[in-house]
Amino acid sequence: MPKVSVIIPNYNHARFLNQRIDSVLNQSFQDFEVIILDDCSTDNSREIIEAYREHPKVSHVIFNEQNSGSPFAQWYRGFGVTNGELIWIAESDDYASVDFLEKLIPYINAATGLAYCDSLETDEDGRQLGRWSRWQDHFSENIWISDFERGGEWLNENYHSLYNIIPNASSAIFKRNLVPPQVAVSEVVKMRYVGDWYVWQLIFKKTQVYYHHQALNYFRNHPSSTRADQTLLTQKATEYYRALKSFLSQQTVRTKSADLERRLSEIFDAWKLGAKSLLKISVWRSLLIAYSIDKKIFSRVFDKILNTKSGAQ
């Protein structure tokens, strides 16, 4: 039985696949199996993946005949064929330092079931943009400036209820027995954007968490289209509002009001609503969901529209 099961879920990342897979196969810690999943890619991903099929570390290669519509459905397909004690979800457009596993595995013990590290954010060409932990400075107390070990429930109560504090799955390893049963996350596998936020929240409830401040993971940041699809933006906002509503409904949550206001403003700003958006029923449904946790949502909408009109004059 291998120590680690590495799941590489891919969709249309042919450009980055060789670097991703090779950064796993070349790890200094070598007791692992590799499971490669492809979600019906339309680029030449299949050709690249097939070249690795006979590699002794590759235990499964699975191609979907139709797209699942959710990266988290792929996670669970991978979970179902793992044999290792630990799991690493190595996203197909990211890559890792050669000592990623060697340095994180020692932090896993009887009490600590998940360990993760800082990430270096890169652009599509691999140019480094900075450490991911710089985005944590907005918190009233930034604990990501050095290594720490904390109870997962404490992290849920103080931080994870507002932000996904593991924003890149490739930066984490965790015990296989902590994977939430699929029945507990039946809605998660239908999600496109925030399913990982839910999965980590459930795992945190069961274990201590170790954070290693050294950046051993390289997280690829893809630029957003300048003409964002409003339907997808609305879907994303809806998922975020529902997640916040779920997490904030738990009485143990101890978020600071300033942190909550900042988070609500960020979600709304990313939605990029305009006057024409208000003609869509789906937008109003999302606004009603938002209103359940953000009583300022309608004033945010009208302020945005008024500011847009005044700026156009």
C-alpha atoms as a PDB file:
ATOM      1  CA  MET A   1       0.000   0.000   0.000  1.00  0.00           C
ATOM      2  CA  PRO A   2       1.487   3.380  -0.976  1.00  0.00           C
ATOM      3  CA  LYS A   3       1.859   6.092   1.640  1.00  0.00           C
ATOM      4  CA  VAL A   4       0.321   8.794  -0.594  1.00  0.00           C
ATOM      5  CA  SER A   5      -2.303   8.738  -3.331  1.00  0.00           C
ATOM      6  CA  VAL A   6      -1.797  11.655  -5.713  1.00  0.00           C
ATOM      7  CA  ILE A   7      -4.925  12.637  -7.638  1.00  0.00           C
ATOM      8  CA  ILE A   8      -4.327  14.753 -10.753  1.00  0.00           C
ATOM      9  CA  PRO A   9      -7.712  15.982 -12.062  1.00  0.00           C
ATOM     10  CA  ASN A  10      -7.403  17.622 -15.483  1.00  0.00           C
ATOM     11  CA  TYR A  11      -9.575  19.589 -17.854  1.00  0.00           C
ATOM     12  CA  ASN A  12      -8.037  21.342 -20.870  1.00  0.00           C
ATOM     13  CA  HIS A  13      -4.662  21.970 -19.245  1.00  0.00           C
ATOM     14  CA  ALA A  14      -2.545  20.233 -21.875  1.00  0.00           C
ATOM     15  CA  ARG A  15      -0.140  23.167 -21.875  1.00  0.00           C
ATOM     16  CA  PHE A  16       0.769  22.546 -18.228  1.00  0.00           C
ATOM     17  CA  LEU A  17       0.317  18.774 -17.880  1.00  0.00           C
ATOM     18  CA  ASN A  18       3.890  17.621 -18.421  1.00  0.00           C
ATOM     19  CA  GLN A  19       5.215  20.042 -15.810  1.00  0.00           C
ATOM     20  CA  ARG A  20       2.469  19.042 -13.373  1.00  0.00           C
ATOM     21  CA  ILE A  21       2.902  15.290 -13.727  1.00  0.00           C
ATOM     22  CA  ASP A  22       6.700  15.443 -13.790  1.00  0.00           C
ATOM     23  CA  SER A  23       6.759  17.580 -10.625  1.00  0.00           C
ATOM     24  CA  VAL A  24       4.864  14.755  -8.906  1.00  0.00           C
ATOM     25  CA  LEU A  25       6.900  11.878 -10.327  1.00  0.00           C
ATOM     26  CA  ASN A  26      10.185  13.600  -9.425  1.00  0.00           C
ATOM     27  CA  GLN A  27       9.366  14.086  -5.733  1.00  0.00           C
ATOM     28  CA  SER A  28      12.214  13.285  -3.340  1.00  0.00           C
ATOM     29  CA  PHE A  29       9.684  11.232  -1.318  1.00  0.00           C
ATOM     30  CA  GLN A  30       8.782   8.337  -3.603  1.00  0.00           C
ATOM     31  CA  ASP A  31       6.230   6.182  -1.761  1.00  0.00           C
ATOM     32  CA  PHE A  32       3.142   7.167  -3.740  1.00  0.00           C
ATOM     33  CA  GLU A  33       0.712   6.216  -6.491  1.00  0.00           C
ATOM     34  CA  VAL A  34      -0.620   8.583  -9.165  1.00  0.00           C
ATOM     35  CA  ILE A  35      -4.228   8.710 -10.353  1.00  0.00           C
ATOM     36  CA  ILE A  36      -4.812  10.820 -13.472  1.00  0.00           C
ATOM     37  CA  LEU A  37      -8.356  11.904 -14.302  1.00  0.00           C
ATOM     38  CA  ASP A  38      -9.460  13.769 -17.418  1.00  0.00           C
ATOM     39  CA  ASP A  39     -12.877  15.424 -17.576  1.00  0.00           C
ATOM     40  CA  CYS A  40     -13.433  15.079 -21.338  1.00  0.00           C
ATOM     41  CA  SER A  41     -10.856  17.670 -22.370  1.00  0.00           C
ATOM     42  CA  THR A  42     -11.129  19.167 -25.848  1.00  0.00           C
ATOM     43  CA  ASP A  43      -7.393  19.916 -26.204  1.00  0.00           C
ATOM     44  CA  ASN A  44      -4.625  17.316 -26.582  1.00  0.00           C
ATOM     45  CA  SER A  45      -4.612  16.386 -22.883  1.00  0.00           C
ATOM     46  CA  ARG A  46      -5.485  12.772 -23.647  1.00  0.00           C
ATOM     47  CA  GLU A  47      -2.411  12.300 -25.822  1.00  0.00           C
ATOM     48  CA  ILE A  48      -0.151  13.702 -23.100  1.00  0.00           C
ATOM     49  CA  ILE A  49      -1.764  11.601 -20.357  1.00  0.00           C
ATOM     50  CA  GLU A  50      -1.489   8.393 -22.393  1.00  0.00           C
ATOM     51  CA  ALA A  51       2.288   8.837 -22.505  1.00  0.00           C
ATOM     52  CA  TYR A  52       2.319   8.308 -18.717  1.00  0.00           C
ATOM     53  CA  ARG A  53      -0.072   5.339 -18.572  1.00  0.00           C
ATOM     54  CA  GLU A  54       2.665   2.712 -18.273  1.00  0.00           C
ATOM     55  CA  HIS A  55       4.731   4.604 -15.708  1.00  0.00           C
ATOM     56  CA  PRO A  56       5.184   2.370 -12.627  1.00  0.00           C
ATOM     57  CA  LYS A  57       3.849   5.094 -10.302  1.00  0.00           C
ATOM     58  CA  VAL A  58       0.626   5.567 -12.300  1.00  0.00           C
ATOM     59  CA  SER A  59      -2.047   3.241 -10.906  1.00  0.00           C
ATOM     60  CA  HIS A  60      -5.117   4.637 -12.706  1.00  0.00           C
ATOM     61  CA  VAL A  61      -5.837   6.676 -15.827  1.00  0.00           C
ATOM     62  CA  ILE A  62      -9.513   7.565 -16.143  1.00  0.00           C
ATOM     63  CA  PHE A  63     -11.083   9.478 -19.034  1.00  0.00           C
ATOM     64  CA  ASN A  64     -14.632  10.815 -18.810  1.00  0.00           C
ATOM     65  CA  GLU A  65     -16.695  10.448 -21.961  1.00  0.00           C
ATOM     66  CA  GLN A  66     -18.625  13.587 -21.081  1.00  0.00           C
ATOM     67  CA  ASN A  67     -17.734  16.557 -18.925  1.00  0.00           C
ATOM     68  CA  SER A  68     -18.884  16.263 -15.301  1.00  0.00           C
ATOM     69  CA  GLY A  69     -19.472  20.009 -14.945  1.00  0.00           C
ATOM     70  CA  SER A  70     -17.735  20.103 -11.558  1.00  0.00           C
ATOM     71  CA  PRO A  71     -14.089  19.697 -10.545  1.00  0.00           C
ATOM     72  CA  PHE A  72     -15.313  18.390  -7.193  1.00  0.00           C
ATOM     73  CA  ALA A  73     -17.144  15.494  -8.831  1.00  0.00           C
ATOM     74  CA  GLN A  74     -13.723  14.548 -10.190  1.00  0.00           C
ATOM     75  CA  TRP A  75     -12.220  14.746  -6.720  1.00  0.00           C
ATOM     76  CA  TYR A  76     -14.682  12.138  -5.503  1.00  0.00           C
ATOM     77  CA  ARG A  77     -14.112   9.913  -8.485  1.00  0.00           C
ATOM     78  CA  GLY A  78     -10.433   9.978  -7.573  1.00  0.00           C
ATOM     79  CA  PHE A  79     -11.098   9.364  -3.877  1.00  0.00           C
ATOM     80  CA  GLY A  80     -12.946   6.187  -4.848  1.00  0.00           C
ATOM     81  CA  VAL A  81      -9.853   4.494  -6.291  1.00  0.00           C
ATOM     82  CA  THR A  82      -7.167   5.663  -3.847  1.00  0.00           C
ATOM     83  CA  ASN A  83      -5.135   3.191  -1.803  1.00  0.00           C
ATOM     84  CA  GLY A  84      -2.819   5.485   0.139  1.00  0.00           C
ATOM     85  CA  GLU A  85      -2.963   6.599   3.744  1.00  0.00           C
ATOM     86  CA  LEU A  86      -2.684  10.225   2.605  1.00  0.00           C
ATOM     87  CA  ILE A  87      -4.168  12.128  -0.331  1.00  0.00           C
ATOM     88  CA  TRP A  88      -2.693  14.945  -2.384  1.00  0.00           C
ATOM     89  CA  ILE A  89      -4.958  16.626  -4.950  1.00  0.00           C
ATOM     90  CA  ALA A  90      -2.394  17.942  -7.423  1.00  0.00           C
ATOM     91  CA  GLU A  91      -4.358  20.265  -9.712  1.00  0.00           C
ATOM     92  CA  SER A  92      -3.307  19.888 -13.343  1.00  0.00           C
ATOM     93  CA  ASP A  93      -2.214  23.488 -13.960  1.00  0.00           C
ATOM     94  CA  ASP A  94      -0.081  23.783 -10.809  1.00  0.00           C
ATOM     95  CA  TYR A  95       3.302  22.282  -9.964  1.00  0.00           C
ATOM     96  CA  ALA A  96       5.343  21.566  -6.834  1.00  0.00           C
ATOM     97  CA  SER A  97       8.825  21.822  -5.378  1.00  0.00           C
ATOM     98  CA  VAL A  98      10.694  18.535  -5.479  1.00  0.00           C
ATOM     99  CA  ASP A  99      10.561  18.303  -1.662  1.00  0.00           C
ATOM    100  CA  PHE A 100       6.835  19.098  -1.280  1.00  0.00           C
ATOM    101  CA  LEU A 101       5.912  15.665   0.114  1.00  0.00           C
ATOM    102  CA  GLU A 102       9.170  15.209   2.012  1.00  0.00           C
ATOM    103  CA  LYS A 103       8.585  18.392   4.005  1.00  0.00           C
ATOM    104  CA  LEU A 104       4.820  18.154   4.614  1.00  0.00           C
ATOM    105  CA  ILE A 105       4.403  14.477   5.508  1.00  0.00           C
ATOM    106  CA  PRO A 106       6.280  14.722   8.865  1.00  0.00           C
ATOM    107  CA  TYR A 107       3.624  17.152  10.129  1.00  0.00           C
ATOM    108  CA  ILE A 108       0.937  14.459   9.837  1.00  0.00           C
ATOM    109  CA  ASN A 109       0.500  12.498  13.066  1.00  0.00           C
ATOM    110  CA  ALA A 110      -2.206  10.994  15.272  1.00  0.00           C
ATOM    111  CA  ALA A 111      -3.722  14.406  16.044  1.00  0.00           C
ATOM    112  CA  THR A 112      -2.922  16.294  12.843  1.00  0.00           C
ATOM    113  CA  GLY A 113      -4.646  14.969   9.741  1.00  0.00           C
ATOM    114  CA  LEU A 114      -4.061  17.824   7.295  1.00  0.00           C
ATOM    115  CA  ALA A 115      -0.941  19.825   6.468  1.00  0.00           C
ATOM    116  CA  TYR A 116      -0.566  22.544   3.892  1.00  0.00           C
ATOM    117  CA  CYS A 117       1.969  25.126   2.824  1.00  0.00           C
ATOM    118  CA  ASP A 118       2.183  28.581   1.352  1.00  0.00           C
ATOM    119  CA  SER A 119       2.066  28.888  -2.440  1.00  0.00           C
ATOM    120  CA  LEU A 120       3.925  30.979  -4.969  1.00  0.00           C
ATOM    121  CA  GLU A 121       1.453  32.503  -7.384  1.00  0.00           C
ATOM    122  CA  THR A 122       2.618  32.424 -11.028  1.00  0.00           C
ATOM    123  CA  ASP A 123       1.202  33.596 -14.329  1.00  0.00           C
ATOM    124  CA  GLU A 124       0.525  31.267 -17.249  1.00  0.00           C
ATOM    125  CA  ASP A 125       4.164  31.473 -18.338  1.00  0.00           C
ATOM    126  CA  GLY A 126       5.499  30.588 -14.889  1.00  0.00           C
ATOM    127  CA  ARG A 127       6.576  34.095 -13.892  1.00  0.00           C
ATOM    128  CA  GLN A 128       6.273  34.461 -10.116  1.00  0.00           C
ATOM    129  CA  LEU A 129       3.741  37.032  -8.890  1.00  0.00           C
ATOM    130  CA  GLY A 130       4.283  36.678  -5.143  1.00  0.00           C
ATOM    131  CA  ARG A 131       3.431  34.461  -2.197  1.00  0.00           C
ATOM    132  CA  TRP A 132      -0.227  33.609  -1.755  1.00  0.00           C
ATOM    133  CA  SER A 133      -0.037  34.417   1.962  1.00  0.00           C
ATOM    134  CA  ARG A 134       0.184  38.113   1.098  1.00  0.00           C
ATOM    135  CA  TRP A 135      -3.582  37.995   0.486  1.00  0.00           C
ATOM    136  CA  GLN A 136      -4.151  37.086   4.141  1.00  0.00           C
ATOM    137  CA  ASP A 137      -3.055  40.531   5.342  1.00  0.00           C
ATOM    138  CA  HIS A 138      -6.669  41.727   5.304  1.00  0.00           C
ATOM    139  CA  PHE A 139      -7.502  39.663   8.385  1.00  0.00           C
ATOM    140  CA  SER A 140      -7.598  41.512  11.700  1.00  0.00           C
ATOM    141  CA  GLU A 141      -5.017  38.949  12.864  1.00  0.00           C
ATOM    142  CA  ASN A 142      -2.850  37.353  10.184  1.00  0.00           C
ATOM    143  CA  ILE A 143      -1.596  33.995  11.468  1.00  0.00           C
ATOM    144  CA  TRP A 144      -0.043  32.988   8.123  1.00  0.00           C
ATOM    145  CA  ILE A 145       3.214  34.887   8.692  1.00  0.00           C
ATOM    146  CA  SER A 146       4.836  31.782  10.215  1.00  0.00           C
ATOM    147  CA  ASP A 147       4.241  28.072  10.809  1.00  0.00           C
ATOM    148  CA  PHE A 148       1.322  27.164  13.051  1.00  0.00           C
ATOM    149  CA  GLU A 149      -0.701  24.204  14.251  1.00  0.00           C
ATOM    150  CA  ARG A 150      -4.301  24.890  15.238  1.00  0.00           C
ATOM    151  CA  GLY A 151      -7.487  22.970  15.822  1.00  0.00           C
ATOM    152  CA  GLY A 152      -9.574  22.711  12.693  1.00  0.00           C
ATOM    153  CA  GLU A 153     -12.705  23.815  14.546  1.00  0.00           C
ATOM    154  CA  TRP A 154     -10.872  26.927  15.747  1.00  0.00           C
ATOM    155  CA  LEU A 155      -9.921  27.733  12.150  1.00  0.00           C
ATOM    156  CA  ASN A 156     -13.536  27.256  11.056  1.00  0.00           C
ATOM    157  CA  GLU A 157     -14.798  29.566  13.778  1.00  0.00           C
ATOM    158  CA  ASN A 158     -12.276  32.354  13.278  1.00  0.00           C
ATOM    159  CA  TYR A 159     -11.253  32.314   9.615  1.00  0.00           C
ATOM    160  CA  HIS A 160     -12.593  29.594   7.345  1.00  0.00           C
ATOM    161  CA  SER A 161     -16.215  30.669   7.764  1.00  0.00           C
ATOM    162  CA  LEU A 162     -15.430  33.821   5.725  1.00  0.00           C
ATOM    163  CA  TYR A 163     -12.640  32.732   3.402  1.00  0.00           C
ATOM    164  CA  ASN A 164     -11.412  29.460   2.028  1.00  0.00           C
ATOM    165  CA  ILE A 165      -8.065  29.457   3.832  1.00  0.00           C
ATOM    166  CA  ILE A 166      -6.753  26.666   1.572  1.00  0.00           C
ATOM    167  CA  PRO A 167      -7.384  28.519  -1.688  1.00  0.00           C
ATOM    168  CA  ASN A 168      -5.361  26.026  -3.724  1.00  0.00           C
ATOM    169  CA  ALA A 169      -5.904  22.309  -3.116  1.00  0.00           C
ATOM    170  CA  SER A 170      -2.482  21.500  -4.557  1.00  0.00           C
ATOM    171  CA  SER A 171      -0.884  22.945  -1.411  1.00  0.00           C
ATOM    172  CA  ALA A 172      -2.401  20.349   0.971  1.00  0.00           C
ATOM    173  CA  ILE A 173      -2.097  16.711   1.972  1.00  0.00           C
ATOM    174  CA  PHE A 174      -4.593  14.989   4.257  1.00  0.00           C
ATOM    175  CA  LYS A 175      -5.540  11.603   5.671  1.00  0.00           C
ATOM    176  CA  ARG A 176      -7.774   9.519   3.427  1.00  0.00           C
ATOM    177  CA  ASN A 177     -10.012   8.572   6.365  1.00  0.00           C
ATOM    178  CA  LEU A 178     -10.939  12.260   6.761  1.00  0.00           C
ATOM    179  CA  VAL A 179     -12.587  12.486   3.334  1.00  0.00           C
ATOM    180  CA  PRO A 180     -16.255  13.387   3.941  1.00  0.00           C
ATOM    181  CA  PRO A 181     -18.606  10.662   2.653  1.00  0.00           C
ATOM    182  CA  GLN A 182     -20.163  11.663  -0.651  1.00  0.00           C
ATOM    183  CA  VAL A 183     -23.645  11.561   0.862  1.00  0.00           C
ATOM    184  CA  ALA A 184     -22.559  14.381   3.189  1.00  0.00           C
ATOM    185  CA  VAL A 185     -21.499  16.533   0.252  1.00  0.00           C
ATOM    186  CA  SER A 186     -24.145  15.646  -2.327  1.00  0.00           C
ATOM    187  CA  GLU A 187     -24.491  19.314  -3.264  1.00  0.00           C
ATOM    188  CA  VAL A 188     -20.743  19.908  -3.339  1.00  0.00           C
ATOM    189  CA  VAL A 189     -20.171  17.666  -6.352  1.00  0.00           C
ATOM    190  CA  LYS A 190     -22.615  19.840  -8.303  1.00  0.00           C
ATOM    191  CA  MET A 191     -20.685  23.016  -7.534  1.00  0.00           C
ATOM    192  CA  ARG A 192     -18.322  24.731  -9.884  1.00  0.00           C
ATOM    193  CA  TYR A 193     -16.524  27.171  -7.589  1.00  0.00           C
ATOM    194  CA  VAL A 194     -16.740  26.611  -3.825  1.00  0.00           C
ATOM    195  CA  GLY A 195     -16.943  22.854  -3.288  1.00  0.00           C
ATOM    196  CA  ASP A 196     -13.429  22.783  -1.860  1.00  0.00           C
ATOM    197  CA  TRP A 197     -14.432  25.363   0.754  1.00  0.00           C
ATOM    198  CA  TYR A 198     -17.092  22.944   2.038  1.00  0.00           C
ATOM    199  CA  VAL A 199     -14.801  19.906   1.924  1.00  0.00           C
ATOM    200  CA  TRP A 200     -12.082  21.624   3.973  1.00  0.00           C
ATOM    201  CA  GLN A 201     -14.672  22.858   6.455  1.00  0.00           C
ATOM    202  CA  LEU A 202     -15.854  19.286   7.079  1.00  0.00           C
ATOM    203  CA  ILE A 203     -12.298  17.950   7.344  1.00  0.00           C
ATOM    204  CA  PHE A 204     -11.358  20.730   9.789  1.00  0.00           C
ATOM    205  CA  LYS A 205     -14.127  19.559  12.112  1.00  0.00           C
ATOM    206  CA  LYS A 206     -12.272  16.277  12.642  1.00  0.00           C
ATOM    207  CA  THR A 207      -8.626  17.194  13.019  1.00  0.00           C
ATOM    208  CA  GLN A 208      -5.756  19.495  13.895  1.00  0.00           C
ATOM    209  CA  VAL A 209      -4.266  21.414  10.953  1.00  0.00           C
ATOM    210  CA  TYR A 210      -0.610  22.286  10.340  1.00  0.00           C
ATOM    211  CA  TYR A 211       0.424  25.236   8.163  1.00  0.00           C
ATOM    212  CA  HIS A 212       3.999  25.385   6.826  1.00  0.00           C
ATOM    213  CA  HIS A 213       5.014  28.913   5.824  1.00  0.00           C
ATOM    214  CA  GLN A 214       7.556  27.849   3.202  1.00  0.00           C
ATOM    215  CA  ALA A 215       6.116  28.063  -0.326  1.00  0.00           C
ATOM    216  CA  LEU A 216       6.427  24.549  -1.780  1.00  0.00           C
ATOM    217  CA  ASN A 217       3.508  24.816  -4.206  1.00  0.00           C
ATOM    218  CA  TYR A 218       3.210  26.866  -7.393  1.00  0.00           C
ATOM    219  CA  PHE A 219      -0.317  28.091  -8.057  1.00  0.00           C
ATOM    220  CA  ARG A 220      -1.144  29.143 -11.619  1.00  0.00           C
ATOM    221  CA  ASN A 221      -3.230  32.308 -11.828  1.00  0.00           C
ATOM    222  CA  HIS A 222      -5.143  32.496 -15.101  1.00  0.00           C
ATOM    223  CA  PRO A 223      -6.237  36.002 -16.157  1.00  0.00           C
ATOM    224  CA  SER A 224      -9.987  36.541 -16.264  1.00  0.00           C
ATOM    225  CA  SER A 225     -11.602  37.481 -19.532  1.00  0.00           C
ATOM    226  CA  THR A 226     -12.168  41.219 -19.822  1.00  0.00           C
ATOM    227  CA  ARG A 227     -15.693  40.430 -20.959  1.00  0.00           C
ATOM    228  CA  ALA A 228     -16.765  38.104 -18.181  1.00  0.00           C
ATOM    229  CA  ASP A 229     -19.823  35.927 -18.734  1.00  0.00           C
ATOM    230  CA  GLN A 230     -22.538  37.381 -16.489  1.00  0.00           C
ATOM    231  CA  THR A 231     -24.261  33.997 -16.145  1.00  0.00           C
ATOM    232  CA  LEU A 232     -21.089  32.428 -14.731  1.00  0.00           C
ATOM    233  CA  LEU A 233     -20.436  35.432 -12.493  1.00  0.00           C
ATOM    234  CA  THR A 234     -23.958  35.109 -11.083  1.00  0.00           C
ATOM    235  CA  GLN A 235     -23.480  31.375 -10.525  1.00  0.00           C
ATOM    236  CA  LYS A 236     -20.201  32.053  -8.731  1.00  0.00           C
ATOM    237  CA  ALA A 237     -21.712  34.785  -6.540  1.00  0.00           C
ATOM    238  CA  THR A 238     -24.659  32.527  -5.683  1.00  0.00           C
ATOM    239  CA  GLU A 239     -22.356  29.714  -4.577  1.00  0.00           C
ATOM    240  CA  TYR A 240     -20.345  32.107  -2.413  1.00  0.00           C
ATOM    241  CA  TYR A 241     -23.426  33.611  -0.754  1.00  0.00           C
ATOM    242  CA  ARG A 242     -24.871  30.159  -0.048  1.00  0.00           C
ATOM    243  CA  ALA A 243     -21.583  29.010   1.452  1.00  0.00           C
ATOM    244  CA  LEU A 244     -21.369  32.078   3.673  1.00  0.00           C
ATOM    245  CA  LYS A 245     -24.969  31.630   4.756  1.00  0.00           C
ATOM    246  CA  SER A 246     -24.264  28.008   5.685  1.00  0.00           C
ATOM    247  CA  PHE A 247     -21.060  28.751   7.600  1.00  0.00           C
ATOM    248  CA  LEU A 248     -22.318  31.886   9.366  1.00  0.00           C
ATOM    249  CA  SER A 249     -25.461  30.105  10.558  1.00  0.00           C
ATOM    250  CA  GLN A 250     -23.274  28.049  12.888  1.00  0.00           C
ATOM    251  CA  GLN A 251     -23.440  29.640  16.330  1.00  0.00           C
ATOM    252  CA  THR A 252     -19.779  28.930  17.096  1.00  0.00           C
ATOM    253  CA  VAL A 253     -18.535  31.255  14.345  1.00  0.00           C
ATOM    254  CA  ARG A 254     -16.532  34.171  15.774  1.00  0.00           C
ATOM    255  CA  THR A 255     -15.943  36.463  12.820  1.00  0.00           C
ATOM    256  CA  LYS A 256     -15.184  40.148  13.313  1.00  0.00           C
ATOM    257  CA  SER A 257     -17.702  42.576  11.813  1.00  0.00           C
ATOM    258  CA  ALA A 258     -15.002  44.413   9.838  1.00  0.00           C
ATOM    259  CA  ASP A 259     -13.828  41.134   8.289  1.00  0.00           C
ATOM    260  CA  LEU A 260     -17.398  40.175   7.381  1.00  0.00           C
ATOM    261  CA  GLU A 261     -18.117  43.560   5.775  1.00  0.00           C
ATOM    262  CA  ARG A 262     -14.926  43.323   3.739  1.00  0.00           C
ATOM    263  CA  ARG A 263     -15.839  39.834   2.554  1.00  0.00           C
ATOM    264  CA  LEU A 264     -19.366  40.804   1.535  1.00  0.00           C
ATOM    265  CA  SER A 265     -18.018  43.801  -0.388  1.00  0.00           C
ATOM    266  CA  GLU A 266     -15.491  41.600  -2.198  1.00  0.00           C
ATOM    267  CA  ILE A 267     -18.096  39.079  -3.304  1.00  0.00           C
ATOM    268  CA  PHE A 268     -20.402  41.817  -4.556  1.00  0.00           C
ATOM    269  CA  ASP A 269     -17.630  43.659  -6.419  1.00  0.00           C
ATOM    270  CA  ALA A 270     -16.550  40.439  -8.157  1.00  0.00           C
ATOM    271  CA  TRP A 271     -20.136  39.916  -9.348  1.00  0.00           C
ATOM    272  CA  LYS A 272     -19.809  42.965 -11.662  1.00  0.00           C
ATOM    273  CA  LEU A 273     -23.524  43.629 -11.805  1.00  0.00           C
ATOM    274  CA  GLY A 274     -24.825  46.265 -14.186  1.00  0.00           C
ATOM    275  CA  ALA A 275     -28.253  47.752 -14.840  1.00  0.00           C
ATOM    276  CA  LYS A 276     -28.988  45.217 -17.598  1.00  0.00           C
ATOM    277  CA  SER A 277     -28.231  42.375 -15.198  1.00  0.00           C
ATOM    278  CA  LEU A 278     -31.302  43.309 -13.155  1.00  0.00           C
ATOM    279  CA  LEU A 279     -33.517  42.194 -16.042  1.00  0.00           C
ATOM    280  CA  LYS A 280     -32.599  38.572 -15.329  1.00  0.00           C
ATOM    281  CA  ILE A 281     -34.654  36.466 -12.918  1.00  0.00           C
ATOM    282  CA  SER A 282     -31.556  34.460 -11.938  1.00  0.00           C
ATOM    283  CA  VAL A 283     -29.890  37.654 -10.713  1.00  0.00           C
ATOM    284  CA  TRP A 284     -32.854  38.525  -8.493  1.00  0.00           C
ATOM    285  CA  ARG A 285     -32.856  34.999  -7.053  1.00  0.00           C
ATOM    286  CA  SER A 286     -29.212  35.449  -6.166  1.00  0.00           C
ATOM    287  CA  LEU A 287     -29.893  38.872  -4.669  1.00  0.00           C
ATOM    288  CA  LEU A 288     -32.503  37.352  -2.365  1.00  0.00           C
ATOM    289  CA  ILE A 289     -29.993  34.715  -1.230  1.00  0.00           C
ATOM    290  CA  ALA A 290     -27.452  37.481  -0.665  1.00  0.00           C
ATOM    291  CA  TYR A 291     -29.959  39.539   1.325  1.00  0.00           C
ATOM    292  CA  SER A 292     -30.296  36.745   3.879  1.00  0.00           C
ATOM    293  CA  ILE A 293     -26.738  37.523   5.057  1.00  0.00           C
ATOM    294  CA  ASP A 294     -26.051  40.971   3.580  1.00  0.00           C
ATOM    295  CA  LYS A 295     -28.745  43.521   4.423  1.00  0.00           C
ATOM    296  CA  LYS A 296     -26.799  46.130   2.439  1.00  0.00           C
ATOM    297  CA  ILE A 297     -26.997  44.191  -0.821  1.00  0.00           C
ATOM    298  CA  PHE A 298     -29.665  46.349  -2.492  1.00  0.00           C
ATOM    299  CA  SER A 299     -27.946  49.596  -1.534  1.00  0.00           C
ATOM    300  CA  ARG A 300     -24.723  48.128  -2.964  1.00  0.00           C
ATOM    301  CA  VAL A 301     -26.552  47.393  -6.229  1.00  0.00           C
ATOM    302  CA  PHE A 302     -28.048  50.837  -6.637  1.00  0.00           C
ATOM    303  CA  ASP A 303     -24.850  52.617  -5.578  1.00  0.00           C
ATOM    304  CA  LYS A 304     -22.983  50.612  -8.211  1.00  0.00           C
ATOM    305  CA  ILE A 305     -25.486  51.517 -10.931  1.00  0.00           C
ATOM    306  CA  LEU A 306     -25.535  55.195  -9.987  1.00  0.00           C
ATOM    307  CA  ASN A 307     -21.735  55.356  -9.899  1.00  0.00           C
ATOM    308  CA  THR A 308     -21.543  53.635 -13.281  1.00  0.00           C
ATOM    309  CA  LYS A 309     -23.986  56.098 -14.833  1.00  0.00           C
ATOM    310  CA  SER A 310     -22.274  59.150 -13.341  1.00  0.00           C
ATOM    311  CA  GLY A 311     -18.919  57.881 -14.555  1.00  0.00           C
ATOM    312  CA  ALA A 312     -20.254  57.491 -18.074  1.00  0.00           C
ATOM    313  CA  GLN A 313     -21.439  61.099 -18.249  1.00  0.00           C
END
